[in-house]
Amino acid sequence: MNWPALCLAYAGFASLSLAMERHWSDRFGREAQPGGWRVPFQLAGTGLLAISLWACLAQEGLGIGLVAWLGCLTASGIALVLTLTYWPKAITVTGPLTLLGGLAIAMRLPGL
């Protein structure tokens, strides 16, 4: 299991979800809008997913890395859906924590 890629994919999906009005209002209230935060959250989410892909490819190679990345996307997507469904206010805590955790684990792995 590629834990850095899984954590970074979760953080990327969390960032992309906060760029959507629906999830932003679930977290910050119905009257709140993402406004000027939308584009930075979209760019951060896209960048984190790209870094997640790189982490899988660096550790597993091209053939297995792409399949492992799709598995990481699936697992992190399911975790995020469950978080947004049952505890939407936690997204601003779990997103940054998984980002920091993924980066900390990646720094300790040789070859990344």
Protein backbone atom coordinates (compact mmCIF):
# COMPACT_ATOMS: atom_id res chain seq x y z
CA MET A 1 0.00 0.00 0.00
CA ASN A 2 1.34 3.38 -0.97
CA TRP A 3 0.39 5.46 2.07
CA PRO A 4 1.78 8.80 0.85
CA ALA A 5 -0.23 8.54 -2.37
CA LEU A 6 -3.36 7.59 -0.45
CA CYS A 7 -3.00 10.52 1.96
CA LEU A 8 -2.21 13.00 -0.82
CA ALA A 9 -5.15 11.78 -2.90
CA TYR A 10 -7.49 12.25 0.07
CA ALA A 11 -6.16 15.77 0.64
CA GLY A 12 -6.55 16.53 -3.07
CA PHE A 13 -10.13 15.31 -3.15
CA ALA A 14 -10.87 17.27 0.05
CA SER A 15 -9.51 20.40 -1.56
CA LEU A 16 -11.54 19.84 -4.72
CA SER A 17 -14.67 19.23 -2.68
CA LEU A 18 -14.23 22.52 -0.81
CA ALA A 19 -14.13 24.29 -4.18
CA MET A 20 -17.76 23.21 -4.70
CA GLU A 21 -20.53 25.41 -3.32
CA ARG A 22 -22.45 22.46 -1.90
CA HIS A 23 -19.63 21.11 0.25
CA TRP A 24 -18.43 24.60 1.18
CA SER A 25 -21.90 25.46 2.49
CA ASP A 26 -22.12 22.11 4.33
CA ARG A 27 -18.95 23.05 6.17
CA PHE A 28 -19.30 26.81 6.67
CA GLY A 29 -23.06 27.40 6.57
CA ARG A 30 -25.73 27.87 3.94
CA GLU A 31 -25.04 31.55 3.34
CA ALA A 32 -21.30 31.04 2.81
CA GLN A 33 -19.85 30.84 -0.70
CA PRO A 34 -16.32 29.77 -1.69
CA GLY A 35 -15.89 33.03 -3.63
CA GLY A 36 -12.21 33.79 -4.14
CA TRP A 37 -11.14 30.49 -2.60
CA ARG A 38 -12.56 28.38 -5.43
CA VAL A 39 -9.64 28.59 -7.87
CA PRO A 40 -6.89 28.09 -5.24
CA PHE A 41 -8.69 25.02 -3.90
CA GLN A 42 -9.08 23.64 -7.44
CA LEU A 43 -5.40 24.20 -8.22
CA ALA A 44 -4.30 22.69 -4.91
CA GLY A 45 -6.53 19.65 -5.39
CA THR A 46 -5.31 19.06 -8.91
CA GLY A 47 -1.70 19.47 -7.82
CA LEU A 48 -2.10 17.06 -4.92
CA LEU A 49 -3.63 14.43 -7.18
CA ALA A 50 -0.71 14.85 -9.59
CA ILE A 51 1.78 14.47 -6.73
CA SER A 52 -0.15 11.39 -5.63
CA LEU A 53 0.30 9.94 -9.11
CA TRP A 54 4.00 10.74 -9.01
CA ALA A 55 4.35 9.01 -5.63
CA CYS A 56 2.78 5.82 -7.02
CA LEU A 57 4.86 5.89 -10.18
CA ALA A 58 8.09 6.55 -8.26
CA GLN A 59 7.51 3.65 -5.90
CA GLU A 60 5.93 1.05 -8.19
CA GLY A 61 6.91 1.90 -11.78
CA LEU A 62 4.61 2.68 -14.69
CA GLY A 63 2.61 -0.54 -15.04
CA ILE A 64 1.82 -1.25 -11.41
CA GLY A 65 1.98 2.43 -10.40
CA LEU A 66 -1.02 3.43 -12.50
CA VAL A 67 -3.11 0.59 -11.12
CA ALA A 68 -1.97 1.37 -7.57
CA TRP A 69 -2.86 5.03 -8.11
CA LEU A 70 -6.37 4.12 -9.24
CA GLY A 71 -6.71 2.01 -6.11
CA CYS A 72 -5.55 4.95 -3.98
CA LEU A 73 -8.05 7.22 -5.72
CA THR A 74 -10.83 4.72 -5.06
CA ALA A 75 -9.98 4.22 -1.39
CA SER A 76 -9.50 7.92 -0.68
CA GLY A 77 -12.67 8.80 -2.59
CA ILE A 78 -14.72 6.35 -0.52
CA ALA A 79 -13.21 7.73 2.69
CA LEU A 80 -13.99 11.29 1.65
CA VAL A 81 -17.57 10.45 0.64
CA LEU A 82 -18.17 8.86 4.04
CA THR A 83 -16.62 11.88 5.78
CA LEU A 84 -18.71 14.35 3.78
CA THR A 85 -21.86 12.32 4.38
CA TYR A 86 -21.62 11.71 8.11
CA TRP A 87 -19.32 14.47 9.40
CA PRO A 88 -18.95 17.32 6.87
CA LYS A 89 -17.40 19.75 9.36
CA ALA A 90 -14.40 17.44 9.76
CA ILE A 91 -13.23 18.03 6.20
CA THR A 92 -11.20 21.08 7.22
CA VAL A 93 -9.39 18.96 9.80
CA THR A 94 -8.94 15.65 7.99
CA GLY A 95 -7.80 17.21 4.71
CA PRO A 96 -4.77 19.09 6.12
CA LEU A 97 -3.92 16.24 8.50
CA THR A 98 -3.74 13.70 5.69
CA LEU A 99 -1.66 16.15 3.65
CA LEU A 100 0.84 16.52 6.48
CA GLY A 101 0.78 12.79 7.17
CA GLY A 102 1.38 11.93 3.53
CA LEU A 103 4.29 14.33 3.27
CA ALA A 104 5.81 13.06 6.53
CA ILE A 105 5.59 9.45 5.38
CA ALA A 106 6.99 10.32 1.95
CA MET A 107 10.03 11.99 3.49
CA ARG A 108 10.86 8.83 5.40
CA LEU A 109 10.63 6.48 2.41
CA PRO A 110 13.77 5.89 0.38
CA GLY A 111 13.38 6.46 -3.33
CA LEU A 112 10.68 9.15 -3.11
